[in-house]
């Protein structure tokens, strides 16, 4: 039997009609405090774009620099292009992402992959074994 998907003990359908005030009561302290302080003007513009996307007035993904925006239930199903400092990363919020910030899913640093050292890189690389 497949395991039912729940988030904070609630089914996904419960989030569709949930208000932001009810949703924020489920979140950790940092997210509650961010919500309590109110949204910045850039975040308010982003929420207006989300509403227009949901109404069908926009088809393109929403491009944003607003990495500190909380992912709210009304953002589910909306495609974002979040700026990572160098390029735009595609973020499509799911139920597991609720309560996180958009910037958490658009990493700003690349993973370091070291290659093999070249000749002359260290003192030990100068050693050439003789047979």
Protein backbone atom coordinates (compact mmCIF):
# COMPACT_ATOMS: atom_id res chain seq x y z
CA UNK A 1 0.00 0.00 0.00
CA UNK A 2 1.36 3.41 -0.94
CA UNK A 3 2.13 5.84 1.83
CA UNK A 4 -0.13 8.90 1.92
CA UNK A 5 1.62 12.22 1.33
CA UNK A 6 1.30 14.48 4.36
CA UNK A 7 3.01 17.69 5.32
CA UNK A 8 2.87 18.82 8.93
CA UNK A 9 0.25 16.09 9.40
CA UNK A 10 -2.11 17.54 6.77
CA UNK A 11 -3.12 16.19 3.38
CA UNK A 12 -2.17 18.29 0.30
CA UNK A 13 -5.83 19.20 -0.32
CA UNK A 14 -5.94 20.99 3.05
CA UNK A 15 -3.42 23.58 1.81
CA UNK A 16 -5.40 24.58 -1.28
CA UNK A 17 -8.06 26.54 0.64
CA UNK A 18 -5.89 27.48 3.62
CA UNK A 19 -5.31 31.17 4.26
CA UNK A 20 -1.79 32.49 4.75
CA UNK A 21 -2.51 33.28 8.43
CA UNK A 22 -3.57 29.69 9.13
CA UNK A 23 -0.62 28.32 7.20
CA UNK A 24 1.95 30.45 9.00
CA UNK A 25 0.88 28.97 12.36
CA UNK A 26 2.36 25.66 11.19
CA UNK A 27 5.77 27.15 10.33
CA UNK A 28 8.93 27.40 12.45
CA UNK A 29 9.81 30.61 14.30
CA UNK A 30 11.98 32.21 11.59
CA UNK A 31 9.24 31.93 8.96
CA UNK A 32 6.56 33.16 11.38
CA UNK A 33 8.69 36.18 12.23
CA UNK A 34 9.28 36.97 8.56
CA UNK A 35 5.53 36.84 7.94
CA UNK A 36 4.73 38.89 11.05
CA UNK A 37 7.08 41.71 9.97
CA UNK A 38 5.26 42.00 6.69
CA UNK A 39 6.42 41.60 3.15
CA UNK A 40 8.81 43.99 1.44
CA UNK A 41 7.62 45.93 -1.63
CA UNK A 42 9.46 43.47 -3.92
CA UNK A 43 7.73 40.53 -2.23
CA UNK A 44 4.33 42.21 -2.60
CA UNK A 45 4.95 42.69 -6.33
CA UNK A 46 5.91 39.02 -6.58
CA UNK A 47 2.65 38.00 -4.90
CA UNK A 48 0.70 40.14 -7.40
CA UNK A 49 2.51 38.36 -10.25
CA UNK A 50 1.60 35.01 -8.69
CA UNK A 51 -2.08 36.03 -8.60
CA UNK A 52 -1.99 37.09 -12.25
CA UNK A 53 -0.26 33.78 -13.14
CA UNK A 54 -2.99 31.83 -11.36
CA UNK A 55 -5.72 33.79 -13.17
CA UNK A 56 -4.16 32.88 -16.51
CA UNK A 57 -2.93 36.34 -17.49
CA UNK A 58 0.71 35.13 -17.55
CA UNK A 59 2.10 32.04 -19.22
CA UNK A 60 5.84 32.64 -18.88
CA UNK A 61 7.70 31.68 -15.69
CA UNK A 62 7.97 34.49 -13.15
CA UNK A 63 11.52 35.85 -13.01
CA UNK A 64 12.57 37.16 -9.62
CA UNK A 65 15.55 38.31 -7.61
CA UNK A 66 13.48 37.94 -4.44
CA UNK A 67 15.27 34.95 -2.92
CA UNK A 68 13.98 35.67 0.60
CA UNK A 69 10.33 35.08 -0.29
CA UNK A 70 8.52 32.36 1.66
CA UNK A 71 6.87 29.67 -0.42
CA UNK A 72 3.18 29.98 0.43
CA UNK A 73 0.32 27.62 -0.54
CA UNK A 74 -0.89 30.00 -3.28
CA UNK A 75 2.49 29.60 -5.03
CA UNK A 76 1.96 25.89 -5.73
CA UNK A 77 1.79 25.21 -9.45
CA UNK A 78 3.56 28.45 -10.39
CA UNK A 79 6.92 28.28 -12.17
CA UNK A 80 9.63 30.67 -10.97
CA UNK A 81 12.99 31.58 -12.43
CA UNK A 82 15.08 32.58 -9.39
CA UNK A 83 18.31 34.52 -9.93
CA UNK A 84 21.36 32.81 -8.48
CA UNK A 85 23.79 35.69 -8.98
CA UNK A 86 24.97 34.39 -12.34
CA UNK A 87 21.99 32.85 -14.10
CA UNK A 88 18.34 31.92 -13.59
CA UNK A 89 17.38 28.62 -11.95
CA UNK A 90 13.96 27.08 -12.52
CA UNK A 91 11.99 26.46 -9.30
CA UNK A 92 8.57 24.84 -9.27
CA UNK A 93 7.25 24.74 -5.68
CA UNK A 94 5.81 21.47 -4.37
CA UNK A 95 4.16 20.57 -1.06
CA UNK A 96 7.50 19.62 0.47
CA UNK A 97 8.85 23.13 -0.26
CA UNK A 98 6.11 24.96 1.65
CA UNK A 99 7.55 27.24 4.33
CA UNK A 100 11.02 27.33 2.78
CA UNK A 101 12.55 30.30 0.98
CA UNK A 102 12.89 30.51 -2.82
CA UNK A 103 16.64 31.06 -2.53
CA UNK A 104 17.13 27.66 -0.92
CA UNK A 105 16.37 25.99 -4.25
CA UNK A 106 18.57 28.23 -6.40
CA UNK A 107 22.13 27.66 -5.23
CA UNK A 108 24.63 30.50 -5.63
CA UNK A 109 27.82 28.47 -5.46
CA UNK A 110 28.97 25.64 -7.67
CA UNK A 111 30.14 22.33 -6.33
CA UNK A 112 33.93 22.14 -6.38
CA UNK A 113 35.36 19.29 -8.41
CA UNK A 114 39.10 18.94 -8.17
CA UNK A 115 41.05 17.35 -10.97
CA UNK A 116 44.35 15.57 -10.74
CA UNK A 117 47.36 17.80 -10.02
CA UNK A 118 49.56 18.75 -12.93
CA UNK A 119 53.29 18.22 -13.24
CA UNK A 120 55.09 20.69 -11.00
CA UNK A 121 52.10 21.22 -8.75
CA UNK A 122 53.86 19.88 -5.67
CA UNK A 123 57.29 18.63 -4.69
CA UNK A 124 56.11 15.02 -4.75
CA UNK A 125 54.91 15.25 -8.33
CA UNK A 126 58.49 15.84 -9.49
CA UNK A 127 59.42 12.28 -8.49
CA UNK A 128 59.66 9.94 -11.45
CA UNK A 129 60.19 6.29 -10.51
CA UNK A 130 63.01 4.49 -12.34
CA UNK A 131 62.78 0.79 -13.20
